[in-house]
Amino acid sequence: MKIYDIAQEVFNCAVYPGDPQPIKEVKLRISEGAICNLTAFEMCAHNGTHVDAPFHFIDGEETIDKVPLDKFIGYAYVAEHEGDIMAADAERILKEAQAGLGADRILVKGNAVMTKEGAEVFAKAGIKLFGNESQTVGPLEAPMEVHLIMLNAKIVLLEGIRLSEVPVGTYLLNAAPINLGGSDGAPCRAVLIDM
């Protein structure tokens, strides 16, 4: 069994333009006479590797604590793609995923950008989760349309993953988020297990 850590380290992670960078504050140090080491931190729910709940773009929809855990945990297919994910690309990726066990959780390795047409294919297919290496699904300068299509279809978005060391194929995914009640998203320590 091999475990791939596909999450970013939080304090040096990539952030979406305009989002705050995580801040680490050491409160206590044993080396300075304290009884323990103690760290506090401040961050955006969408820093580094994180998941988006439908509430991120749709008022009144599920917050992260209400999304069923089976969306984040289960078999996932790692595909590879560079550039825009058009409808034909999404159909190819789905076909590859369906050949294995990971048809309802799709992770895309590479510098891939979801298009409206690609998002519609995944929404129609009813997948549980879509993940990519960018800090957002869809074009960086205009992510709303793609988010609305996928989140309205109850697809959880796993953003900011790191797949450079992971070969294409099917894995067991655990991307359970921190339980931030009422939040639009949450950071997670995403891992892939090669069984």
N, C-alpha and C. Protein backbone atom coordinates (compact mmCIF):
# COMPACT_ATOMS: atom_id res chain seq x y z
N MET A 1 0.85 -1.19 0.00
CA MET A 1 0.00 0.00 0.00
C MET A 1 0.89 1.24 0.00
N LYS A 2 0.55 2.21 -0.85
CA LYS A 2 1.28 3.48 -0.90
C LYS A 2 0.28 4.61 -0.67
N ILE A 3 0.70 5.57 0.15
CA ILE A 3 -0.15 6.73 0.44
C ILE A 3 0.49 7.98 -0.16
N TYR A 4 -0.28 8.69 -0.96
CA TYR A 4 0.17 9.95 -1.55
C TYR A 4 -0.49 11.11 -0.80
N ASP A 5 0.31 12.00 -0.26
CA ASP A 5 -0.20 13.22 0.36
C ASP A 5 -0.37 14.23 -0.78
N ILE A 6 -1.61 14.60 -1.08
CA ILE A 6 -1.86 15.51 -2.20
C ILE A 6 -2.30 16.90 -1.72
N ALA A 7 -2.05 17.18 -0.44
CA ALA A 7 -2.41 18.48 0.14
C ALA A 7 -1.19 19.39 0.21
N GLN A 8 -1.44 20.68 0.14
CA GLN A 8 -0.39 21.67 0.32
C GLN A 8 -0.13 21.90 1.80
N GLU A 9 1.10 22.28 2.12
CA GLU A 9 1.42 22.73 3.48
C GLU A 9 0.76 24.10 3.63
N VAL A 10 0.08 24.32 4.73
CA VAL A 10 -0.80 25.48 4.88
C VAL A 10 -0.06 26.82 4.89
N PHE A 11 0.99 26.96 5.67
CA PHE A 11 1.57 28.30 5.86
C PHE A 11 2.35 28.82 4.65
N ASN A 12 2.69 27.92 3.72
CA ASN A 12 3.37 28.34 2.49
C ASN A 12 2.54 28.03 1.25
N CYS A 13 1.23 27.86 1.43
CA CYS A 13 0.37 27.41 0.35
C CYS A 13 0.07 28.52 -0.66
N ALA A 14 -0.42 28.08 -1.81
CA ALA A 14 -0.94 29.01 -2.82
C ALA A 14 -2.29 29.53 -2.34
N VAL A 15 -2.59 30.78 -2.65
CA VAL A 15 -3.90 31.34 -2.31
C VAL A 15 -4.51 31.98 -3.55
N TYR A 16 -5.84 31.97 -3.60
CA TYR A 16 -6.55 32.62 -4.69
C TYR A 16 -6.27 34.12 -4.61
N PRO A 17 -6.05 34.78 -5.76
CA PRO A 17 -5.76 36.22 -5.74
C PRO A 17 -6.79 37.01 -4.94
N GLY A 18 -6.31 37.77 -3.97
CA GLY A 18 -7.19 38.58 -3.13
C GLY A 18 -7.54 37.93 -1.80
N ASP A 19 -7.39 36.61 -1.70
CA ASP A 19 -7.64 35.93 -0.42
C ASP A 19 -6.46 36.17 0.52
N PRO A 20 -6.70 36.18 1.83
CA PRO A 20 -5.60 36.39 2.78
C PRO A 20 -4.69 35.17 2.87
N GLN A 21 -3.41 35.42 3.06
CA GLN A 21 -2.41 34.34 3.27
C GLN A 21 -2.56 33.83 4.70
N PRO A 22 -2.45 32.51 4.94
CA PRO A 22 -2.50 32.01 6.31
C PRO A 22 -1.41 32.64 7.18
N ILE A 23 -1.74 32.84 8.45
CA ILE A 23 -0.81 33.44 9.41
C ILE A 23 -0.62 32.47 10.57
N LYS A 24 0.63 32.20 10.90
CA LYS A 24 0.97 31.32 12.02
C LYS A 24 1.49 32.17 13.17
N GLU A 25 1.00 31.89 14.39
CA GLU A 25 1.46 32.61 15.57
C GLU A 25 1.82 31.60 16.66
N VAL A 26 3.10 31.57 17.02
CA VAL A 26 3.54 30.68 18.09
C VAL A 26 3.22 31.35 19.42
N LYS A 27 2.36 30.72 20.21
CA LYS A 27 1.91 31.26 21.50
C LYS A 27 2.82 30.85 22.66
N LEU A 28 3.28 29.62 22.63
CA LEU A 28 4.16 29.10 23.70
C LEU A 28 5.28 28.29 23.08
N ARG A 29 6.47 28.35 23.75
CA ARG A 29 7.62 27.56 23.32
C ARG A 29 8.27 26.92 24.54
N ILE A 30 8.49 25.62 24.47
CA ILE A 30 9.21 24.93 25.53
C ILE A 30 10.60 25.52 25.70
N SER A 31 11.23 25.87 24.57
CA SER A 31 12.59 26.43 24.60
C SER A 31 12.65 27.77 25.34
N GLU A 32 11.50 28.39 25.55
CA GLU A 32 11.44 29.67 26.26
C GLU A 32 10.84 29.51 27.66
N GLY A 33 10.75 28.27 28.14
CA GLY A 33 10.29 28.01 29.50
C GLY A 33 8.84 27.64 29.65
N ALA A 34 8.08 27.56 28.56
CA ALA A 34 6.67 27.17 28.64
C ALA A 34 6.56 25.66 28.87
N ILE A 35 5.38 25.22 29.33
CA ILE A 35 5.20 23.78 29.58
C ILE A 35 4.95 22.99 28.30
N CYS A 36 4.63 23.68 27.19
CA CYS A 36 4.40 23.01 25.92
C CYS A 36 4.62 23.99 24.78
N ASN A 37 4.65 23.47 23.56
CA ASN A 37 4.63 24.30 22.36
C ASN A 37 3.17 24.47 21.94
N LEU A 38 2.79 25.70 21.59
CA LEU A 38 1.39 25.97 21.24
C LEU A 38 1.33 26.96 20.08
N THR A 39 0.59 26.58 19.04
CA THR A 39 0.48 27.41 17.84
C THR A 39 -0.96 27.83 17.61
N ALA A 40 -1.17 29.08 17.25
CA ALA A 40 -2.47 29.57 16.79
C ALA A 40 -2.30 29.96 15.32
N PHE A 41 -3.41 29.99 14.60
CA PHE A 41 -3.32 30.39 13.20
C PHE A 41 -4.59 31.06 12.75
N GLU A 42 -4.47 31.81 11.65
CA GLU A 42 -5.60 32.49 11.02
C GLU A 42 -5.52 32.20 9.53
N MET A 43 -6.66 31.81 8.95
CA MET A 43 -6.64 31.52 7.51
C MET A 43 -8.05 31.60 6.93
N CYS A 44 -8.11 31.70 5.62
CA CYS A 44 -9.34 31.65 4.86
C CYS A 44 -9.73 30.19 4.68
N ALA A 45 -11.01 29.89 4.66
CA ALA A 45 -11.48 28.51 4.47
C ALA A 45 -11.08 27.95 3.11
N HIS A 46 -10.65 28.81 2.19
CA HIS A 46 -10.31 28.37 0.83
C HIS A 46 -8.82 28.50 0.53
N ASN A 47 -7.98 28.59 1.56
CA ASN A 47 -6.53 28.60 1.35
C ASN A 47 -6.03 27.19 1.08
N GLY A 48 -4.95 27.10 0.31
CA GLY A 48 -4.30 25.81 0.08
C GLY A 48 -5.25 24.77 -0.46
N THR A 49 -5.09 23.53 0.00
CA THR A 49 -5.96 22.43 -0.43
C THR A 49 -7.24 22.50 0.39
N HIS A 50 -8.36 22.62 -0.30
CA HIS A 50 -9.64 22.85 0.38
C HIS A 50 -10.80 22.32 -0.46
N VAL A 51 -11.96 22.24 0.17
CA VAL A 51 -13.17 21.84 -0.54
C VAL A 51 -14.20 22.97 -0.49
N ASP A 52 -14.98 23.06 -1.56
CA ASP A 52 -16.07 24.03 -1.65
C ASP A 52 -17.39 23.31 -1.42
N ALA A 53 -18.21 23.87 -0.54
CA ALA A 53 -19.58 23.40 -0.37
C ALA A 53 -20.48 24.21 -1.30
N PRO A 54 -21.69 23.71 -1.62
CA PRO A 54 -22.60 24.48 -2.47
C PRO A 54 -22.84 25.92 -1.96
N PHE A 55 -22.84 26.11 -0.65
CA PHE A 55 -23.08 27.43 -0.05
C PHE A 55 -22.03 28.47 -0.48
N HIS A 56 -20.88 28.02 -0.98
CA HIS A 56 -19.83 28.95 -1.42
C HIS A 56 -20.35 29.92 -2.49
N PHE A 57 -21.20 29.45 -3.39
CA PHE A 57 -21.73 30.30 -4.45
C PHE A 57 -23.25 30.37 -4.48
N ILE A 58 -23.92 29.58 -3.60
CA ILE A 58 -25.39 29.52 -3.66
C ILE A 58 -25.96 29.69 -2.26
N ASP A 59 -26.52 30.87 -1.99
CA ASP A 59 -27.14 31.13 -0.69
C ASP A 59 -28.23 30.11 -0.40
N GLY A 60 -28.27 29.63 0.83
CA GLY A 60 -29.31 28.70 1.24
C GLY A 60 -29.00 27.25 0.96
N GLU A 61 -27.93 26.96 0.23
CA GLU A 61 -27.55 25.57 -0.06
C GLU A 61 -26.69 25.01 1.07
N GLU A 62 -26.25 23.75 0.92
CA GLU A 62 -25.50 23.05 1.96
C GLU A 62 -24.20 23.75 2.34
N THR A 63 -24.00 23.90 3.65
CA THR A 63 -22.71 24.34 4.17
C THR A 63 -21.83 23.11 4.34
N ILE A 64 -20.55 23.33 4.59
CA ILE A 64 -19.59 22.22 4.58
C ILE A 64 -19.92 21.14 5.60
N ASP A 65 -20.49 21.51 6.75
CA ASP A 65 -20.83 20.53 7.77
C ASP A 65 -22.06 19.70 7.42
N LYS A 66 -22.80 20.10 6.40
CA LYS A 66 -24.00 19.38 5.97
C LYS A 66 -23.77 18.49 4.76
N VAL A 67 -22.61 18.60 4.13
CA VAL A 67 -22.31 17.77 2.95
C VAL A 67 -21.98 16.35 3.44
N PRO A 68 -22.63 15.32 2.88
CA PRO A 68 -22.36 13.95 3.32
C PRO A 68 -20.89 13.57 3.12
N LEU A 69 -20.33 12.89 4.12
CA LEU A 69 -18.91 12.52 4.08
C LEU A 69 -18.57 11.59 2.92
N ASP A 70 -19.53 10.84 2.40
CA ASP A 70 -19.21 9.94 1.29
C ASP A 70 -18.83 10.68 0.02
N LYS A 71 -19.10 11.98 -0.02
CA LYS A 71 -18.64 12.78 -1.17
C LYS A 71 -17.11 12.88 -1.16
N PHE A 72 -16.51 12.95 0.04
CA PHE A 72 -15.08 13.21 0.20
C PHE A 72 -14.23 11.94 0.32
N ILE A 73 -14.87 10.82 0.62
CA ILE A 73 -14.15 9.58 0.91
C ILE A 73 -14.67 8.46 0.03
N GLY A 74 -13.77 7.84 -0.74
CA GLY A 74 -14.15 6.72 -1.61
C GLY A 74 -13.22 6.64 -2.80
N TYR A 75 -13.54 5.77 -3.72
CA TYR A 75 -12.67 5.61 -4.89
C TYR A 75 -12.70 6.86 -5.77
N ALA A 76 -11.51 7.20 -6.28
CA ALA A 76 -11.36 8.37 -7.16
C ALA A 76 -10.45 8.00 -8.32
N TYR A 77 -10.71 8.62 -9.44
CA TYR A 77 -9.87 8.41 -10.61
C TYR A 77 -9.03 9.65 -10.87
N VAL A 78 -7.71 9.45 -11.02
CA VAL A 78 -6.79 10.53 -11.35
C VAL A 78 -6.56 10.50 -12.86
N ALA A 79 -6.97 11.57 -13.52
CA ALA A 79 -6.76 11.74 -14.96
C ALA A 79 -5.68 12.80 -15.16
N GLU A 80 -5.23 12.94 -16.39
CA GLU A 80 -4.25 13.98 -16.70
C GLU A 80 -4.76 14.80 -17.86
N HIS A 81 -4.63 16.14 -17.74
CA HIS A 81 -5.08 17.02 -18.81
C HIS A 81 -4.37 18.37 -18.70
N GLU A 82 -4.06 18.96 -19.83
CA GLU A 82 -3.49 20.30 -19.88
C GLU A 82 -4.44 21.20 -20.67
N GLY A 83 -4.68 22.39 -20.16
CA GLY A 83 -5.52 23.34 -20.88
C GLY A 83 -6.98 23.22 -20.51
N ASP A 84 -7.83 23.80 -21.36
CA ASP A 84 -9.27 23.81 -21.11
C ASP A 84 -9.86 22.41 -21.16
N ILE A 85 -10.72 22.11 -20.21
CA ILE A 85 -11.47 20.84 -20.23
C ILE A 85 -12.79 21.12 -20.95
N MET A 86 -12.83 20.74 -22.21
CA MET A 86 -14.03 20.92 -23.03
C MET A 86 -14.93 19.70 -22.84
N ALA A 87 -16.10 19.71 -23.46
CA ALA A 87 -17.06 18.60 -23.31
C ALA A 87 -16.44 17.27 -23.72
N ALA A 88 -15.74 17.23 -24.84
CA ALA A 88 -15.13 15.97 -25.31
C ALA A 88 -14.07 15.47 -24.33
N ASP A 89 -13.33 16.40 -23.73
CA ASP A 89 -12.31 16.01 -22.73
C ASP A 89 -12.98 15.42 -21.49
N ALA A 90 -14.06 16.05 -21.04
CA ALA A 90 -14.78 15.56 -19.87
C ALA A 90 -15.36 14.17 -20.14
N GLU A 91 -15.89 13.97 -21.33
CA GLU A 91 -16.44 12.65 -21.70
C GLU A 91 -15.34 11.60 -21.72
N ARG A 92 -14.17 11.95 -22.24
CA ARG A 92 -13.03 11.01 -22.25
C ARG A 92 -12.62 10.66 -20.83
N ILE A 93 -12.51 11.66 -19.97
CA ILE A 93 -12.11 11.43 -18.58
C ILE A 93 -13.12 10.54 -17.87
N LEU A 94 -14.41 10.80 -18.08
CA LEU A 94 -15.45 9.96 -17.47
C LEU A 94 -15.36 8.52 -17.95
N LYS A 95 -15.11 8.34 -19.23
CA LYS A 95 -15.00 6.99 -19.79
C LYS A 95 -13.81 6.25 -19.17
N GLU A 96 -12.69 6.94 -19.02
CA GLU A 96 -11.51 6.34 -18.38
C GLU A 96 -11.83 5.96 -16.93
N ALA A 97 -12.52 6.86 -16.22
CA ALA A 97 -12.85 6.63 -14.81
C ALA A 97 -13.80 5.45 -14.66
N GLN A 98 -14.75 5.32 -15.58
CA GLN A 98 -15.73 4.24 -15.49
C GLN A 98 -15.12 2.88 -15.77
N ALA A 99 -13.95 2.87 -16.41
CA ALA A 99 -13.26 1.60 -16.66
C ALA A 99 -12.65 1.05 -15.37
N GLY A 100 -12.46 1.93 -14.37
CA GLY A 100 -11.95 1.50 -13.06
C GLY A 100 -13.05 1.61 -12.02
N LEU A 101 -12.68 1.91 -10.79
CA LEU A 101 -13.65 2.00 -9.70
C LEU A 101 -13.96 3.45 -9.32
N GLY A 102 -13.36 4.41 -10.01
CA GLY A 102 -13.45 5.79 -9.55
C GLY A 102 -14.34 6.69 -10.38
N ALA A 103 -15.46 6.18 -10.85
CA ALA A 103 -16.29 6.95 -11.77
C ALA A 103 -16.95 8.17 -11.14
N ASP A 104 -17.16 8.17 -9.82
CA ASP A 104 -17.90 9.31 -9.26
C ASP A 104 -17.06 10.31 -8.49
N ARG A 105 -15.76 10.15 -8.46
CA ARG A 105 -14.84 11.16 -7.94
C ARG A 105 -13.70 11.29 -8.94
N ILE A 106 -13.53 12.48 -9.50
CA ILE A 106 -12.55 12.70 -10.57
C ILE A 106 -11.54 13.75 -10.10
N LEU A 107 -10.25 13.44 -10.21
CA LEU A 107 -9.18 14.39 -9.92
C LEU A 107 -8.38 14.58 -11.20
N VAL A 108 -8.09 15.83 -11.54
CA VAL A 108 -7.36 16.09 -12.78
C VAL A 108 -5.99 16.66 -12.47
N LYS A 109 -4.98 15.95 -12.96
CA LYS A 109 -3.57 16.32 -12.81
C LYS A 109 -3.19 17.21 -13.99
N GLY A 110 -2.46 18.29 -13.70
CA GLY A 110 -2.00 19.18 -14.76
C GLY A 110 -2.62 20.56 -14.65
N ASN A 111 -2.23 21.41 -15.57
CA ASN A 111 -2.72 22.78 -15.60
C ASN A 111 -4.03 22.82 -16.38
N ALA A 112 -5.08 22.32 -15.75
CA ALA A 112 -6.38 22.17 -16.41
C ALA A 112 -7.35 23.23 -15.92
N VAL A 113 -8.17 23.74 -16.84
CA VAL A 113 -9.18 24.75 -16.52
C VAL A 113 -10.53 24.23 -17.00
N MET A 114 -11.48 24.12 -16.07
CA MET A 114 -12.82 23.65 -16.42
C MET A 114 -13.55 24.73 -17.21
N THR A 115 -14.20 24.29 -18.29
CA THR A 115 -15.07 25.18 -19.07
C THR A 115 -16.53 24.90 -18.72
N LYS A 116 -17.40 25.79 -19.15
CA LYS A 116 -18.84 25.61 -18.96
C LYS A 116 -19.28 24.27 -19.56
N GLU A 117 -18.81 23.97 -20.75
CA GLU A 117 -19.21 22.75 -21.46
C GLU A 117 -18.72 21.49 -20.73
N GLY A 118 -17.50 21.54 -20.22
CA GLY A 118 -16.97 20.41 -19.45
C GLY A 118 -17.72 20.23 -18.15
N ALA A 119 -18.01 21.34 -17.47
CA ALA A 119 -18.76 21.29 -16.21
C ALA A 119 -20.13 20.67 -16.42
N GLU A 120 -20.78 20.99 -17.53
CA GLU A 120 -22.11 20.45 -17.82
C GLU A 120 -22.06 18.93 -18.00
N VAL A 121 -20.99 18.42 -18.60
CA VAL A 121 -20.85 16.97 -18.77
C VAL A 121 -20.74 16.29 -17.41
N PHE A 122 -19.89 16.82 -16.53
CA PHE A 122 -19.73 16.22 -15.20
C PHE A 122 -21.01 16.37 -14.37
N ALA A 123 -21.70 17.49 -14.51
CA ALA A 123 -22.95 17.70 -13.77
C ALA A 123 -24.00 16.68 -14.21
N LYS A 124 -24.11 16.48 -15.51
CA LYS A 124 -25.09 15.52 -16.04
C LYS A 124 -24.75 14.09 -15.60
N ALA A 125 -23.46 13.79 -15.48
CA ALA A 125 -23.02 12.44 -15.08
C ALA A 125 -23.28 12.17 -13.60
N GLY A 126 -23.48 13.23 -12.82
CA GLY A 126 -23.80 13.06 -11.40
C GLY A 126 -22.63 12.61 -10.54
N ILE A 127 -21.42 13.07 -10.88
CA ILE A 127 -20.28 12.68 -10.04
C ILE A 127 -20.39 13.34 -8.67
N LYS A 128 -19.68 12.76 -7.68
CA LYS A 128 -19.75 13.28 -6.31
C LYS A 128 -18.74 14.39 -6.06
N LEU A 129 -17.57 14.31 -6.69
CA LEU A 129 -16.47 15.24 -6.38
C LEU A 129 -15.64 15.45 -7.62
N PHE A 130 -15.18 16.68 -7.79
CA PHE A 130 -14.21 17.00 -8.84
C PHE A 130 -13.05 17.76 -8.19
N GLY A 131 -11.83 17.34 -8.49
CA GLY A 131 -10.65 17.99 -7.93
C GLY A 131 -9.68 18.42 -9.00
N ASN A 132 -8.98 19.53 -8.72
CA ASN A 132 -7.96 20.02 -9.66
C ASN A 132 -6.82 20.68 -8.90
N GLU A 133 -5.75 20.97 -9.62
CA GLU A 133 -4.54 21.53 -9.00
C GLU A 133 -4.59 23.05 -8.83
N SER A 134 -5.46 23.72 -9.55
CA SER A 134 -5.60 25.16 -9.44
C SER A 134 -6.29 25.51 -8.12
N GLN A 135 -6.20 26.78 -7.72
CA GLN A 135 -6.89 27.23 -6.51
C GLN A 135 -8.38 27.45 -6.75
N THR A 136 -8.82 27.29 -7.99
CA THR A 136 -10.24 27.40 -8.32
C THR A 136 -10.56 26.51 -9.50
N VAL A 137 -11.81 26.05 -9.57
CA VAL A 137 -12.29 25.34 -10.75
C VAL A 137 -12.78 26.41 -11.71
N GLY A 138 -12.44 26.28 -12.95
CA GLY A 138 -12.86 27.28 -13.93
C GLY A 138 -11.79 28.34 -14.11
N PRO A 139 -12.02 29.26 -15.01
CA PRO A 139 -11.04 30.31 -15.28
C PRO A 139 -10.77 31.15 -14.03
N LEU A 140 -9.51 31.45 -13.78
CA LEU A 140 -9.11 32.21 -12.59
C LEU A 140 -9.81 33.56 -12.51
N GLU A 141 -9.99 34.20 -13.67
CA GLU A 141 -10.57 35.55 -13.69
C GLU A 141 -12.11 35.54 -13.67
N ALA A 142 -12.72 34.36 -13.90
CA ALA A 142 -14.19 34.29 -13.94
C ALA A 142 -14.67 32.88 -13.56
N PRO A 143 -14.54 32.52 -12.28
CA PRO A 143 -14.87 31.14 -11.88
C PRO A 143 -16.35 30.89 -11.59
N MET A 144 -17.17 31.92 -11.53
CA MET A 144 -18.54 31.77 -11.02
C MET A 144 -19.40 30.81 -11.83
N GLU A 145 -19.40 30.93 -13.15
CA GLU A 145 -20.29 30.11 -13.99
C GLU A 145 -20.05 28.62 -13.79
N VAL A 146 -18.79 28.21 -13.81
CA VAL A 146 -18.44 26.80 -13.64
C VAL A 146 -18.81 26.32 -12.23
N HIS A 147 -18.53 27.15 -11.23
CA HIS A 147 -18.91 26.79 -9.86
C HIS A 147 -20.43 26.58 -9.75
N LEU A 148 -21.20 27.48 -10.32
CA LEU A 148 -22.66 27.36 -10.23
C LEU A 148 -23.16 26.08 -10.87
N ILE A 149 -22.62 25.73 -12.02
CA ILE A 149 -23.04 24.49 -12.70
C ILE A 149 -22.74 23.28 -11.82
N MET A 150 -21.52 23.21 -11.31
CA MET A 150 -21.10 22.02 -10.58
C MET A 150 -21.70 21.97 -9.17
N LEU A 151 -21.73 23.10 -8.48
CA LEU A 151 -22.28 23.11 -7.13
C LEU A 151 -23.80 22.91 -7.13
N ASN A 152 -24.50 23.42 -8.15
CA ASN A 152 -25.93 23.17 -8.28
C ASN A 152 -26.22 21.69 -8.50
N ALA A 153 -25.25 20.97 -9.08
CA ALA A 153 -25.38 19.53 -9.29
C ALA A 153 -24.89 18.74 -8.07
N LYS A 154 -24.59 19.45 -6.97
CA LYS A 154 -24.13 18.84 -5.71
C LYS A 154 -22.78 18.15 -5.86
N ILE A 155 -21.96 18.65 -6.78
CA ILE A 155 -20.59 18.15 -6.92
C ILE A 155 -19.71 18.94 -5.96
N VAL A 156 -19.03 18.24 -5.06
CA VAL A 156 -18.08 18.89 -4.17
C VAL A 156 -16.83 19.22 -4.98
N LEU A 157 -16.27 20.40 -4.76
CA LEU A 157 -15.06 20.82 -5.48
C LEU A 157 -13.87 20.76 -4.54
N LEU A 158 -12.86 20.00 -4.93
CA LEU A 158 -11.61 19.84 -4.18
C LEU A 158 -10.54 20.60 -4.95
N GLU A 159 -10.11 21.74 -4.41
CA GLU A 159 -9.21 22.62 -5.15
C GLU A 159 -7.84 22.70 -4.47
N GLY A 160 -6.82 22.97 -5.30
CA GLY A 160 -5.48 23.16 -4.77
C GLY A 160 -4.77 21.87 -4.38
N ILE A 161 -5.14 20.75 -5.03
CA ILE A 161 -4.44 19.49 -4.75
C ILE A 161 -3.12 19.45 -5.52
N ARG A 162 -2.24 18.55 -5.14
CA ARG A 162 -0.94 18.39 -5.79
C ARG A 162 -0.79 16.95 -6.24
N LEU A 163 -0.75 16.75 -7.58
CA LEU A 163 -0.78 15.40 -8.14
C LEU A 163 0.46 15.06 -8.97
N SER A 164 1.50 15.87 -8.93
CA SER A 164 2.66 15.64 -9.80
C SER A 164 3.31 14.28 -9.59
N GLU A 165 3.25 13.74 -8.37
CA GLU A 165 3.88 12.44 -8.07
C GLU A 165 2.92 11.27 -8.22
N VAL A 166 1.67 11.55 -8.58
CA VAL A 166 0.65 10.50 -8.62
C VAL A 166 0.41 10.04 -10.05
N PRO A 167 0.63 8.75 -10.35
CA PRO A 167 0.33 8.24 -11.69
C PRO A 167 -1.18 8.22 -11.95
N VAL A 168 -1.55 8.31 -13.21
CA VAL A 168 -2.94 8.19 -13.61
C VAL A 168 -3.46 6.83 -13.14
N GLY A 169 -4.70 6.81 -12.62
CA GLY A 169 -5.28 5.55 -12.18
C GLY A 169 -6.31 5.75 -11.09
N THR A 170 -6.75 4.63 -10.51
CA THR A 170 -7.79 4.64 -9.49
C THR A 170 -7.18 4.45 -8.10
N TYR A 171 -7.66 5.25 -7.14
CA TYR A 171 -7.15 5.26 -5.77
C TYR A 171 -8.31 5.39 -4.80
N LEU A 172 -8.03 5.15 -3.53
CA LEU A 172 -8.97 5.48 -2.47
C LEU A 172 -8.63 6.89 -2.00
N LEU A 173 -9.60 7.79 -2.05
CA LEU A 173 -9.42 9.18 -1.67
C LEU A 173 -10.01 9.44 -0.29
N ASN A 174 -9.27 10.19 0.53
CA ASN A 174 -9.83 10.76 1.76
C ASN A 174 -9.52 12.25 1.72
N ALA A 175 -10.56 13.05 1.52
CA ALA A 175 -10.42 14.51 1.49
C ALA A 175 -11.44 15.13 2.44
N ALA A 176 -11.67 14.47 3.57
CA ALA A 176 -12.64 14.98 4.54
C ALA A 176 -12.20 16.34 5.05
N PRO A 177 -13.11 17.31 5.03
CA PRO A 177 -12.76 18.66 5.47
C PRO A 177 -12.83 18.81 6.98
N ILE A 178 -12.19 19.86 7.49
CA ILE A 178 -12.39 20.25 8.87
C ILE A 178 -13.87 20.63 9.02
N ASN A 179 -14.48 20.24 10.13
CA ASN A 179 -15.91 20.48 10.33
C ASN A 179 -16.16 21.91 10.81
N LEU A 180 -16.22 22.83 9.86
CA LEU A 180 -16.46 24.24 10.15
C LEU A 180 -17.94 24.53 9.99
N GLY A 181 -18.70 24.43 11.06
CA GLY A 181 -20.15 24.59 11.01
C GLY A 181 -20.59 25.88 10.35
N GLY A 182 -21.48 25.76 9.37
CA GLY A 182 -22.03 26.92 8.69
C GLY A 182 -21.13 27.55 7.66
N SER A 183 -20.00 26.92 7.35
CA SER A 183 -19.02 27.52 6.44
C SER A 183 -19.26 27.12 4.99
N ASP A 184 -18.75 27.96 4.08
CA ASP A 184 -18.87 27.73 2.64
C ASP A 184 -17.81 26.79 2.09
N GLY A 185 -16.83 26.44 2.90
CA GLY A 185 -15.77 25.53 2.49
C GLY A 185 -14.88 25.26 3.69
N ALA A 186 -13.84 24.44 3.46
CA ALA A 186 -12.93 24.13 4.56
C ALA A 186 -11.65 23.52 4.02
N PRO A 187 -10.54 23.77 4.72
CA PRO A 187 -9.30 23.09 4.35
C PRO A 187 -9.38 21.60 4.66
N CYS A 188 -8.56 20.81 3.98
CA CYS A 188 -8.51 19.37 4.24
C CYS A 188 -7.10 18.85 3.98
N ARG A 189 -6.78 17.72 4.58
CA ARG A 189 -5.53 17.01 4.32
C ARG A 189 -5.88 15.86 3.40
N ALA A 190 -5.87 16.11 2.11
CA ALA A 190 -6.27 15.12 1.12
C ALA A 190 -5.17 14.11 0.88
N VAL A 191 -5.55 12.83 0.88
CA VAL A 191 -4.60 11.75 0.59
C VAL A 191 -5.22 10.77 -0.38
N LEU A 192 -4.37 10.15 -1.18
CA LEU A 192 -4.77 9.06 -2.07
C LEU A 192 -4.05 7.80 -1.63
N ILE A 193 -4.77 6.70 -1.57
CA ILE A 193 -4.19 5.43 -1.16
C ILE A 193 -4.24 4.48 -2.35
N ASP A 194 -3.06 4.00 -2.73
CA ASP A 194 -2.94 3.02 -3.81
C ASP A 194 -3.03 1.65 -3.18
N MET A 195 -4.17 1.01 -3.34
CA MET A 195 -4.40 -0.30 -2.73
C MET A 195 -3.77 -1.37 -3.59
